[in-house]
Amino acid sequence: MRTLDPMPAEPTLTGLARLRARRAQLDAEELELLTAARAAGATWAQIAAALGVATRQAAEQRHARLLRATRHHDGDTPPVTELRAAAAGLRAALAGTGPALTLATLDAAATAPPGALYSLAAHVAADLTAADLTAAPAATRSAAARFTAAALTR
């Protein structure tokens, strides 16, 4: 009997983190479209059909779930809000040039609850400490400095 060689864990974990970030982006887009559809006069029954769910109640429940997830971040303290913004800025500055795991970690930070956000930030801060950013563009160095300062503030 032939056994399969296991995949290395890091690419798999990176893929999972990326998937989570994409799900969060899709959820935000879906909430925006649901809100726009209702504002334009669409009924819940019409929205249910467009979503592919069986009932208007299912569409309303989906909207409520997405709204609750968004409001979770509405209660962030100013330091958490700053850390999220700094993480997004660093993610943008590193796009296409940063290590895949660091980018995936920053993607996951966008939707993480505050405790997990600080844990993810600690990993990224360690990556930044180990990296030589002296040759990096000024915008990248600035984003890294802002992120590091925000990660140290609670």
N, C-alpha and C. Protein backbone atom coordinates (compact mmCIF):
# COMPACT_ATOMS: atom_id res chain seq x y z
N MET A 1 0.85 -1.18 0.00
CA MET A 1 0.00 0.00 0.00
C MET A 1 0.89 1.24 0.00
N ARG A 2 0.55 2.19 -0.85
CA ARG A 2 1.33 3.42 -0.98
C ARG A 2 0.76 4.47 -0.04
N THR A 3 1.64 5.15 0.68
CA THR A 3 1.20 6.24 1.54
C THR A 3 1.56 7.56 0.88
N LEU A 4 0.74 8.54 1.11
CA LEU A 4 0.99 9.87 0.55
C LEU A 4 1.94 10.63 1.46
N ASP A 5 2.85 11.34 0.84
CA ASP A 5 3.73 12.20 1.62
C ASP A 5 2.91 13.39 2.10
N PRO A 6 3.02 13.74 3.38
CA PRO A 6 2.27 14.89 3.87
C PRO A 6 2.81 16.18 3.25
N MET A 7 1.89 17.13 3.05
CA MET A 7 2.31 18.44 2.56
C MET A 7 3.01 19.19 3.68
N PRO A 8 3.98 20.03 3.34
CA PRO A 8 4.56 20.87 4.39
C PRO A 8 3.46 21.75 5.00
N ALA A 9 3.53 21.97 6.28
CA ALA A 9 2.47 22.69 6.99
C ALA A 9 2.37 24.15 6.60
N GLU A 10 3.50 24.83 6.39
CA GLU A 10 3.48 26.28 6.18
C GLU A 10 2.64 26.70 4.97
N PRO A 11 2.81 26.09 3.78
CA PRO A 11 1.97 26.53 2.66
C PRO A 11 0.48 26.27 2.91
N THR A 12 0.19 25.18 3.59
CA THR A 12 -1.20 24.87 3.90
C THR A 12 -1.78 25.89 4.86
N LEU A 13 -1.04 26.23 5.89
CA LEU A 13 -1.51 27.23 6.86
C LEU A 13 -1.64 28.60 6.22
N THR A 14 -0.70 28.93 5.34
CA THR A 14 -0.78 30.20 4.62
C THR A 14 -2.04 30.24 3.77
N GLY A 15 -2.32 29.14 3.09
CA GLY A 15 -3.54 29.06 2.28
C GLY A 15 -4.79 29.23 3.10
N LEU A 16 -4.82 28.61 4.28
CA LEU A 16 -5.98 28.74 5.16
C LEU A 16 -6.16 30.18 5.63
N ALA A 17 -5.06 30.84 5.97
CA ALA A 17 -5.15 32.24 6.41
C ALA A 17 -5.64 33.13 5.27
N ARG A 18 -5.15 32.87 4.04
CA ARG A 18 -5.61 33.64 2.89
C ARG A 18 -7.10 33.41 2.64
N LEU A 19 -7.53 32.17 2.79
CA LEU A 19 -8.93 31.83 2.59
C LEU A 19 -9.82 32.57 3.59
N ARG A 20 -9.37 32.64 4.83
CA ARG A 20 -10.14 33.36 5.85
C ARG A 20 -10.26 34.84 5.50
N ALA A 21 -9.18 35.43 5.02
CA ALA A 21 -9.21 36.84 4.65
C ALA A 21 -10.14 37.07 3.46
N ARG A 22 -10.11 36.16 2.49
CA ARG A 22 -11.00 36.30 1.33
C ARG A 22 -12.46 36.16 1.75
N ARG A 23 -12.72 35.24 2.69
CA ARG A 23 -14.09 35.08 3.20
C ARG A 23 -14.58 36.39 3.83
N ALA A 24 -13.71 37.01 4.61
CA ALA A 24 -14.08 38.27 5.26
C ALA A 24 -14.36 39.35 4.22
N GLN A 25 -13.56 39.39 3.16
CA GLN A 25 -13.79 40.37 2.10
C GLN A 25 -15.12 40.10 1.40
N LEU A 26 -15.41 38.84 1.13
CA LEU A 26 -16.68 38.48 0.49
C LEU A 26 -17.86 38.82 1.40
N ASP A 27 -17.71 38.57 2.69
CA ASP A 27 -18.78 38.90 3.64
C ASP A 27 -19.06 40.40 3.64
N ALA A 28 -18.00 41.20 3.62
CA ALA A 28 -18.16 42.66 3.61
C ALA A 28 -18.85 43.10 2.32
N GLU A 29 -18.45 42.52 1.20
CA GLU A 29 -19.07 42.86 -0.08
C GLU A 29 -20.54 42.43 -0.11
N GLU A 30 -20.82 41.24 0.43
CA GLU A 30 -22.20 40.75 0.46
C GLU A 30 -23.08 41.67 1.32
N LEU A 31 -22.57 42.09 2.47
CA LEU A 31 -23.33 42.99 3.33
C LEU A 31 -23.61 44.30 2.62
N GLU A 32 -22.62 44.82 1.92
CA GLU A 32 -22.79 46.07 1.18
C GLU A 32 -23.87 45.92 0.10
N LEU A 33 -23.84 44.80 -0.63
CA LEU A 33 -24.83 44.56 -1.67
C LEU A 33 -26.23 44.33 -1.10
N LEU A 34 -26.31 43.61 0.01
CA LEU A 34 -27.61 43.40 0.66
C LEU A 34 -28.21 44.73 1.09
N THR A 35 -27.39 45.57 1.70
CA THR A 35 -27.85 46.88 2.16
C THR A 35 -28.29 47.73 0.98
N ALA A 36 -27.52 47.72 -0.10
CA ALA A 36 -27.86 48.49 -1.30
C ALA A 36 -29.15 47.98 -1.94
N ALA A 37 -29.31 46.66 -1.98
CA ALA A 37 -30.53 46.07 -2.57
C ALA A 37 -31.76 46.50 -1.78
N ARG A 38 -31.66 46.45 -0.46
CA ARG A 38 -32.80 46.86 0.38
C ARG A 38 -33.08 48.35 0.19
N ALA A 39 -32.02 49.16 0.13
CA ALA A 39 -32.19 50.60 -0.05
C ALA A 39 -32.83 50.91 -1.41
N ALA A 40 -32.57 50.05 -2.40
CA ALA A 40 -33.14 50.24 -3.74
C ALA A 40 -34.56 49.69 -3.85
N GLY A 41 -35.06 49.10 -2.76
CA GLY A 41 -36.44 48.63 -2.75
C GLY A 41 -36.64 47.14 -2.99
N ALA A 42 -35.57 46.37 -3.05
CA ALA A 42 -35.72 44.92 -3.23
C ALA A 42 -36.35 44.31 -1.99
N THR A 43 -37.23 43.33 -2.20
CA THR A 43 -37.85 42.63 -1.07
C THR A 43 -36.91 41.54 -0.58
N TRP A 44 -37.16 41.07 0.64
CA TRP A 44 -36.35 39.97 1.17
C TRP A 44 -36.54 38.71 0.34
N ALA A 45 -37.73 38.52 -0.21
CA ALA A 45 -37.96 37.35 -1.07
C ALA A 45 -37.11 37.43 -2.34
N GLN A 46 -36.99 38.62 -2.93
CA GLN A 46 -36.15 38.79 -4.11
C GLN A 46 -34.68 38.56 -3.76
N ILE A 47 -34.28 39.07 -2.62
CA ILE A 47 -32.89 38.89 -2.18
C ILE A 47 -32.61 37.42 -1.91
N ALA A 48 -33.57 36.73 -1.29
CA ALA A 48 -33.41 35.30 -1.02
C ALA A 48 -33.18 34.54 -2.32
N ALA A 49 -33.95 34.86 -3.35
CA ALA A 49 -33.79 34.19 -4.64
C ALA A 49 -32.40 34.46 -5.23
N ALA A 50 -31.94 35.71 -5.13
CA ALA A 50 -30.62 36.07 -5.66
C ALA A 50 -29.50 35.37 -4.90
N LEU A 51 -29.69 35.19 -3.59
CA LEU A 51 -28.68 34.52 -2.76
C LEU A 51 -28.72 33.00 -2.91
N GLY A 52 -29.84 32.50 -3.40
CA GLY A 52 -29.98 31.05 -3.51
C GLY A 52 -30.38 30.39 -2.21
N VAL A 53 -31.04 31.14 -1.33
CA VAL A 53 -31.55 30.57 -0.09
C VAL A 53 -33.05 30.36 -0.23
N ALA A 54 -33.60 29.49 0.60
CA ALA A 54 -34.98 29.03 0.41
C ALA A 54 -36.04 30.06 0.79
N THR A 55 -35.77 30.88 1.80
CA THR A 55 -36.83 31.75 2.31
C THR A 55 -36.31 33.17 2.53
N ARG A 56 -37.26 34.08 2.65
CA ARG A 56 -36.89 35.46 2.97
C ARG A 56 -36.28 35.54 4.36
N GLN A 57 -36.77 34.66 5.27
CA GLN A 57 -36.23 34.64 6.63
C GLN A 57 -34.74 34.26 6.61
N ALA A 58 -34.39 33.32 5.75
CA ALA A 58 -32.99 32.91 5.64
C ALA A 58 -32.13 34.08 5.15
N ALA A 59 -32.66 34.86 4.21
CA ALA A 59 -31.94 36.03 3.71
C ALA A 59 -31.78 37.07 4.82
N GLU A 60 -32.84 37.29 5.59
CA GLU A 60 -32.77 38.25 6.69
C GLU A 60 -31.77 37.78 7.75
N GLN A 61 -31.77 36.49 8.05
CA GLN A 61 -30.83 35.95 9.04
C GLN A 61 -29.39 36.10 8.56
N ARG A 62 -29.18 35.88 7.28
CA ARG A 62 -27.84 36.04 6.73
C ARG A 62 -27.38 37.49 6.87
N HIS A 63 -28.27 38.42 6.54
CA HIS A 63 -27.97 39.84 6.68
C HIS A 63 -27.63 40.17 8.13
N ALA A 64 -28.43 39.65 9.06
CA ALA A 64 -28.21 39.92 10.48
C ALA A 64 -26.86 39.36 10.94
N ARG A 65 -26.51 38.16 10.46
CA ARG A 65 -25.22 37.55 10.83
C ARG A 65 -24.06 38.41 10.33
N LEU A 66 -24.16 38.86 9.09
CA LEU A 66 -23.10 39.70 8.52
C LEU A 66 -23.00 41.03 9.26
N LEU A 67 -24.14 41.58 9.63
CA LEU A 67 -24.17 42.83 10.38
C LEU A 67 -23.52 42.67 11.75
N ARG A 68 -23.84 41.56 12.44
CA ARG A 68 -23.22 41.30 13.76
C ARG A 68 -21.71 41.19 13.64
N ALA A 69 -21.24 40.52 12.62
CA ALA A 69 -19.80 40.36 12.42
C ALA A 69 -19.12 41.71 12.20
N THR A 70 -19.79 42.61 11.49
CA THR A 70 -19.25 43.94 11.24
C THR A 70 -19.24 44.76 12.52
N ARG A 71 -20.32 44.67 13.27
CA ARG A 71 -20.41 45.45 14.51
C ARG A 71 -19.38 45.02 15.53
N HIS A 72 -18.92 43.78 15.42
CA HIS A 72 -17.86 43.30 16.32
C HIS A 72 -16.68 44.26 16.27
N HIS A 73 -16.32 44.72 15.07
CA HIS A 73 -15.19 45.64 14.94
C HIS A 73 -15.57 47.08 15.29
N ASP A 74 -16.87 47.39 15.25
CA ASP A 74 -17.29 48.73 15.61
C ASP A 74 -16.99 49.04 17.07
N GLY A 75 -16.87 48.01 17.91
CA GLY A 75 -16.58 48.19 19.32
C GLY A 75 -15.10 48.20 19.65
N ASP A 76 -14.25 48.19 18.63
CA ASP A 76 -12.81 48.20 18.87
C ASP A 76 -12.39 49.47 19.61
N THR A 77 -11.44 49.33 20.50
CA THR A 77 -10.87 50.48 21.18
C THR A 77 -9.97 51.23 20.20
N PRO A 78 -9.64 52.49 20.49
CA PRO A 78 -8.76 53.23 19.58
C PRO A 78 -7.42 52.52 19.30
N PRO A 79 -6.75 51.91 20.31
CA PRO A 79 -5.51 51.21 19.97
C PRO A 79 -5.72 50.02 19.01
N VAL A 80 -6.83 49.31 19.17
CA VAL A 80 -7.12 48.17 18.28
C VAL A 80 -7.42 48.69 16.87
N THR A 81 -8.18 49.77 16.79
CA THR A 81 -8.48 50.37 15.49
C THR A 81 -7.19 50.81 14.80
N GLU A 82 -6.29 51.43 15.55
CA GLU A 82 -5.00 51.86 14.98
C GLU A 82 -4.18 50.66 14.52
N LEU A 83 -4.17 49.59 15.31
CA LEU A 83 -3.41 48.40 14.91
C LEU A 83 -3.99 47.80 13.64
N ARG A 84 -5.31 47.74 13.53
CA ARG A 84 -5.94 47.22 12.30
C ARG A 84 -5.55 48.09 11.10
N ALA A 85 -5.59 49.40 11.27
CA ALA A 85 -5.24 50.31 10.18
C ALA A 85 -3.76 50.17 9.82
N ALA A 86 -2.91 50.05 10.83
CA ALA A 86 -1.48 49.89 10.58
C ALA A 86 -1.20 48.56 9.87
N ALA A 87 -1.92 47.52 10.26
CA ALA A 87 -1.75 46.21 9.61
C ALA A 87 -2.17 46.30 8.14
N ALA A 88 -3.28 46.98 7.88
CA ALA A 88 -3.74 47.13 6.50
C ALA A 88 -2.74 47.95 5.68
N GLY A 89 -2.19 49.00 6.30
CA GLY A 89 -1.18 49.81 5.61
C GLY A 89 0.09 49.03 5.31
N LEU A 90 0.52 48.23 6.27
CA LEU A 90 1.71 47.40 6.06
C LEU A 90 1.44 46.35 5.00
N ARG A 91 0.25 45.76 5.03
CA ARG A 91 -0.11 44.74 4.03
C ARG A 91 -0.04 45.35 2.63
N ALA A 92 -0.56 46.56 2.48
CA ALA A 92 -0.52 47.23 1.18
C ALA A 92 0.91 47.55 0.76
N ALA A 93 1.73 47.98 1.72
CA ALA A 93 3.12 48.33 1.41
C ALA A 93 3.94 47.10 1.02
N LEU A 94 3.61 45.95 1.58
CA LEU A 94 4.37 44.73 1.30
C LEU A 94 3.79 43.92 0.14
N ALA A 95 2.66 44.33 -0.39
CA ALA A 95 1.99 43.56 -1.45
C ALA A 95 2.97 43.22 -2.57
N GLY A 96 3.05 41.94 -2.88
CA GLY A 96 3.90 41.49 -3.97
C GLY A 96 5.36 41.34 -3.63
N THR A 97 5.78 41.87 -2.48
CA THR A 97 7.20 41.80 -2.14
C THR A 97 7.47 41.11 -0.81
N GLY A 98 6.47 41.06 0.04
CA GLY A 98 6.67 40.49 1.38
C GLY A 98 6.58 38.97 1.38
N PRO A 99 7.10 38.36 2.44
CA PRO A 99 6.99 36.90 2.57
C PRO A 99 5.52 36.48 2.63
N ALA A 100 5.20 35.37 2.00
CA ALA A 100 3.81 34.91 1.90
C ALA A 100 3.17 34.72 3.27
N LEU A 101 3.90 34.16 4.22
CA LEU A 101 3.32 33.92 5.53
C LEU A 101 3.03 35.24 6.25
N THR A 102 3.90 36.22 6.11
CA THR A 102 3.66 37.53 6.72
C THR A 102 2.43 38.18 6.10
N LEU A 103 2.31 38.10 4.78
CA LEU A 103 1.15 38.67 4.10
C LEU A 103 -0.14 37.98 4.53
N ALA A 104 -0.10 36.66 4.64
CA ALA A 104 -1.28 35.91 5.08
C ALA A 104 -1.64 36.26 6.52
N THR A 105 -0.63 36.45 7.35
CA THR A 105 -0.88 36.83 8.75
C THR A 105 -1.53 38.20 8.81
N LEU A 106 -1.06 39.13 8.00
CA LEU A 106 -1.67 40.46 7.95
C LEU A 106 -3.10 40.39 7.41
N ASP A 107 -3.35 39.51 6.45
CA ASP A 107 -4.71 39.31 5.95
C ASP A 107 -5.63 38.82 7.07
N ALA A 108 -5.15 37.86 7.83
CA ALA A 108 -5.95 37.30 8.94
C ALA A 108 -6.20 38.36 10.01
N ALA A 109 -5.25 39.27 10.20
CA ALA A 109 -5.39 40.31 11.22
C ALA A 109 -6.57 41.24 10.93
N ALA A 110 -6.92 41.38 9.67
CA ALA A 110 -8.00 42.29 9.30
C ALA A 110 -9.32 41.94 9.96
N THR A 111 -9.56 40.66 10.21
CA THR A 111 -10.85 40.24 10.77
C THR A 111 -10.73 39.57 12.13
N ALA A 112 -9.53 39.53 12.67
CA ALA A 112 -9.31 38.83 13.94
C ALA A 112 -9.90 39.62 15.11
N PRO A 113 -10.41 38.90 16.13
CA PRO A 113 -10.81 39.60 17.35
C PRO A 113 -9.57 40.21 18.01
N PRO A 114 -9.74 41.20 18.88
CA PRO A 114 -8.59 41.91 19.44
C PRO A 114 -7.48 41.04 20.02
N GLY A 115 -7.80 40.03 20.81
CA GLY A 115 -6.75 39.19 21.39
C GLY A 115 -5.93 38.49 20.33
N ALA A 116 -6.61 37.91 19.36
CA ALA A 116 -5.91 37.23 18.26
C ALA A 116 -5.16 38.23 17.40
N LEU A 117 -5.72 39.42 17.24
CA LEU A 117 -5.06 40.47 16.46
C LEU A 117 -3.69 40.78 17.05
N TYR A 118 -3.63 40.94 18.37
CA TYR A 118 -2.34 41.24 19.00
C TYR A 118 -1.38 40.06 18.89
N SER A 119 -1.89 38.85 18.94
CA SER A 119 -1.05 37.67 18.77
C SER A 119 -0.48 37.62 17.35
N LEU A 120 -1.32 37.86 16.36
CA LEU A 120 -0.85 37.90 14.98
C LEU A 120 0.15 39.04 14.78
N ALA A 121 -0.13 40.18 15.41
CA ALA A 121 0.77 41.33 15.29
C ALA A 121 2.14 41.01 15.87
N ALA A 122 2.18 40.24 16.95
CA ALA A 122 3.47 39.86 17.54
C ALA A 122 4.29 39.03 16.55
N HIS A 123 3.63 38.14 15.82
CA HIS A 123 4.34 37.34 14.82
C HIS A 123 4.89 38.22 13.69
N VAL A 124 4.08 39.15 13.23
CA VAL A 124 4.52 40.04 12.16
C VAL A 124 5.65 40.94 12.66
N ALA A 125 5.53 41.43 13.89
CA ALA A 125 6.58 42.28 14.46
C ALA A 125 7.90 41.51 14.53
N ALA A 126 7.84 40.23 14.89
CA ALA A 126 9.05 39.40 14.92
C ALA A 126 9.63 39.26 13.52
N ASP A 127 8.77 39.08 12.53
CA ASP A 127 9.24 39.01 11.14
C ASP A 127 9.92 40.31 10.73
N LEU A 128 9.33 41.44 11.13
CA LEU A 128 9.90 42.74 10.78
C LEU A 128 11.25 42.95 11.45
N THR A 129 11.37 42.49 12.70
CA THR A 129 12.63 42.62 13.43
C THR A 129 13.73 41.83 12.73
N ALA A 130 13.37 40.66 12.22
CA ALA A 130 14.35 39.80 11.55
C ALA A 130 14.69 40.29 10.14
N ALA A 131 13.83 41.10 9.56
CA ALA A 131 14.04 41.56 8.18
C ALA A 131 14.94 42.78 8.15
N ASP A 132 15.71 42.89 7.08
CA ASP A 132 16.53 44.08 6.86
C ASP A 132 15.76 45.01 5.94
N LEU A 133 15.19 46.05 6.51
CA LEU A 133 14.36 46.97 5.73
C LEU A 133 15.12 48.21 5.25
N THR A 134 16.42 48.24 5.45
CA THR A 134 17.18 49.44 5.08
C THR A 134 17.09 49.75 3.59
N ALA A 135 16.98 48.73 2.75
CA ALA A 135 16.89 48.95 1.30
C ALA A 135 15.44 49.06 0.82
N ALA A 136 14.50 48.89 1.73
CA ALA A 136 13.08 48.96 1.36
C ALA A 136 12.69 50.40 1.05
N PRO A 137 11.65 50.57 0.23
CA PRO A 137 11.17 51.93 -0.04
C PRO A 137 10.75 52.64 1.26
N ALA A 138 10.83 53.95 1.24
CA ALA A 138 10.49 54.74 2.42
C ALA A 138 9.07 54.45 2.90
N ALA A 139 8.14 54.26 1.98
CA ALA A 139 6.75 53.98 2.37
C ALA A 139 6.65 52.66 3.13
N THR A 140 7.43 51.68 2.74
CA THR A 140 7.43 50.39 3.43
C THR A 140 8.02 50.54 4.83
N ARG A 141 9.13 51.28 4.93
CA ARG A 141 9.75 51.49 6.25
C ARG A 141 8.81 52.26 7.16
N SER A 142 8.11 53.25 6.62
CA SER A 142 7.16 54.03 7.40
C SER A 142 5.99 53.16 7.87
N ALA A 143 5.47 52.33 6.98
CA ALA A 143 4.36 51.43 7.34
C ALA A 143 4.81 50.44 8.40
N ALA A 144 6.04 49.95 8.29
CA ALA A 144 6.56 48.99 9.28
C ALA A 144 6.72 49.67 10.64
N ALA A 145 7.20 50.91 10.65
CA ALA A 145 7.37 51.64 11.91
C ALA A 145 6.02 51.91 12.57
N ARG A 146 5.03 52.32 11.77
CA ARG A 146 3.69 52.57 12.31
C ARG A 146 3.11 51.28 12.88
N PHE A 147 3.27 50.17 12.15
CA PHE A 147 2.74 48.89 12.61
C PHE A 147 3.40 48.47 13.91
N THR A 148 4.72 48.56 13.97
CA THR A 148 5.45 48.15 15.17
C THR A 148 5.01 48.97 16.38
N ALA A 149 4.87 50.28 16.20
CA ALA A 149 4.42 51.14 17.30
C ALA A 149 3.01 50.75 17.75
N ALA A 150 2.13 50.49 16.80
CA ALA A 150 0.75 50.12 17.13
C ALA A 150 0.70 48.77 17.82
N ALA A 151 1.56 47.85 17.42
CA ALA A 151 1.57 46.50 18.01
C ALA A 151 2.02 46.53 19.46
N LEU A 152 2.79 47.54 19.82
CA LEU A 152 3.29 47.65 21.19
C LEU A 152 2.32 48.37 22.12
N THR A 153 1.26 48.97 21.56
CA THR A 153 0.29 49.73 22.34
C THR A 153 -0.96 48.90 22.56
N ARG A 154 -1.41 48.83 23.78
CA ARG A 154 -2.66 48.11 24.07
C ARG A 154 -3.64 49.02 24.73
